[in-house]
């Protein structure tokens, strides 16, 4: 339970970092980022596997690059569901999802 809470807190911090570095991604405050981390986790656990399964042929054809599009879609879906998070366009969603992925990989590597 503590590990989940730490992961949510880190994801909320990462969302704020992405909002500071990526023009087009805006987050109002830490509370909004924390709620966004919860929604993003639920989207990644429930919706992403279904979309990844359905898009498997496209993912194979693009040698896995279509997963970036799916991650960007998850970030845009989170922004649509959480008031206070705005992703203005597809390019900021792609860059933001890449940054989130890299930050999460670094933390997972350290832990």
Protein backbone atom coordinates (compact mmCIF):
# COMPACT_ATOMS: atom_id res chain seq x y z
CA UNK A 1 0.00 0.00 0.00
CA UNK A 2 2.84 2.36 0.84
CA UNK A 3 4.55 1.56 -2.47
CA UNK A 4 1.40 2.51 -4.37
CA UNK A 5 1.15 5.81 -2.51
CA UNK A 6 4.82 6.60 -3.16
CA UNK A 7 4.36 5.76 -6.84
CA UNK A 8 1.30 8.05 -7.04
CA UNK A 9 3.19 10.89 -5.35
CA UNK A 10 6.13 10.48 -7.71
CA UNK A 11 3.82 10.39 -10.74
CA UNK A 12 2.12 13.58 -9.52
CA UNK A 13 5.53 15.25 -9.19
CA UNK A 14 6.47 13.99 -12.66
CA UNK A 15 3.25 15.43 -14.08
CA UNK A 16 4.18 18.80 -12.60
CA UNK A 17 7.70 18.52 -14.07
CA UNK A 18 6.21 17.73 -17.49
CA UNK A 19 3.87 20.72 -17.17
CA UNK A 20 6.86 22.97 -16.41
CA UNK A 21 8.97 21.75 -19.32
CA UNK A 22 6.46 20.98 -22.08
CA UNK A 23 4.68 23.94 -23.56
CA UNK A 24 1.07 22.95 -24.07
CA UNK A 25 0.71 20.85 -20.91
CA UNK A 26 -0.80 22.77 -18.01
CA UNK A 27 -1.61 21.61 -14.48
CA UNK A 28 -3.18 23.92 -11.90
CA UNK A 29 -1.67 22.62 -8.63
CA UNK A 30 -0.32 19.57 -6.81
CA UNK A 31 -3.78 18.34 -5.80
CA UNK A 32 -4.83 18.32 -9.43
CA UNK A 33 -1.60 16.53 -10.35
CA UNK A 34 -2.21 13.90 -7.66
CA UNK A 35 -5.76 13.28 -8.87
CA UNK A 36 -4.37 13.17 -12.43
CA UNK A 37 -1.84 10.53 -11.33
CA UNK A 38 -4.67 8.41 -9.96
CA UNK A 39 -6.72 8.77 -13.16
CA UNK A 40 -3.66 8.12 -15.34
CA UNK A 41 -2.92 4.96 -13.34
CA UNK A 42 -6.49 3.73 -13.78
CA UNK A 43 -6.42 4.53 -17.52
CA UNK A 44 -3.09 2.70 -17.88
CA UNK A 45 -4.41 -0.31 -15.96
CA UNK A 46 -7.84 -0.62 -17.58
CA UNK A 47 -8.00 1.09 -20.97
CA UNK A 48 -4.41 0.88 -22.24
CA UNK A 49 -4.25 -2.96 -22.36
CA UNK A 50 -7.44 -3.10 -24.42
CA UNK A 51 -6.24 -0.46 -26.88
CA UNK A 52 -2.78 -2.07 -27.05
CA UNK A 53 -4.36 -5.44 -27.84
CA UNK A 54 -6.58 -3.98 -30.56
CA UNK A 55 -3.71 -1.97 -32.02
CA UNK A 56 -1.23 -4.86 -31.94
CA UNK A 57 -1.03 -5.21 -35.76
CA UNK A 58 -0.30 -1.48 -36.14
CA UNK A 59 2.27 -1.70 -33.36
CA UNK A 60 4.04 -4.55 -35.16
CA UNK A 61 4.04 -2.66 -38.46
CA UNK A 62 5.46 0.47 -36.84
CA UNK A 63 8.02 -1.56 -34.85
CA UNK A 64 6.52 -0.46 -31.55
CA UNK A 65 6.36 3.28 -32.23
CA UNK A 66 2.57 3.23 -32.13
CA UNK A 67 2.86 2.66 -28.37
CA UNK A 68 3.96 6.31 -28.15
CA UNK A 69 0.65 7.29 -29.72
CA UNK A 70 -1.24 5.12 -27.23
CA UNK A 71 0.66 6.70 -24.31
CA UNK A 72 -0.12 10.17 -25.65
CA UNK A 73 -3.77 9.19 -25.93
CA UNK A 74 -3.75 8.07 -22.28
CA UNK A 75 -2.33 11.46 -21.27
CA UNK A 76 -4.97 13.29 -23.33
CA UNK A 77 -7.71 11.09 -21.85
CA UNK A 78 -6.47 11.94 -18.37
CA UNK A 79 -6.56 15.64 -19.25
CA UNK A 80 -10.11 15.26 -20.54
CA UNK A 81 -11.26 13.54 -17.34
CA UNK A 82 -9.48 15.71 -14.77
CA UNK A 83 -10.47 19.37 -14.47
CA UNK A 84 -7.37 21.50 -14.09
CA UNK A 85 -5.19 19.49 -16.48
CA UNK A 86 -4.94 20.72 -20.05
CA UNK A 87 -3.04 19.17 -22.95
CA UNK A 88 -3.21 21.51 -25.91
CA UNK A 89 -2.57 19.38 -28.96
CA UNK A 90 -1.13 16.06 -29.97
CA UNK A 91 2.56 17.07 -30.07
CA UNK A 92 2.61 18.20 -26.41
CA UNK A 93 0.87 14.93 -25.52
CA UNK A 94 3.57 12.92 -27.33
CA UNK A 95 6.43 14.89 -25.74
CA UNK A 96 4.77 14.76 -22.32
CA UNK A 97 4.19 11.02 -22.50
CA UNK A 98 7.81 10.44 -23.55
CA UNK A 99 9.01 12.55 -20.59
CA UNK A 100 6.73 10.68 -18.18
CA UNK A 101 7.99 7.36 -19.50
CA UNK A 102 11.65 8.37 -19.13
CA UNK A 103 11.11 9.73 -15.60
CA UNK A 104 9.25 6.58 -14.53
CA UNK A 105 11.98 4.38 -16.02
CA UNK A 106 14.65 6.31 -14.12
CA UNK A 107 12.81 5.96 -10.83
CA UNK A 108 12.12 2.25 -11.42
CA UNK A 109 15.80 1.75 -12.24
CA UNK A 110 16.87 3.54 -9.06
CA UNK A 111 14.40 1.65 -6.86
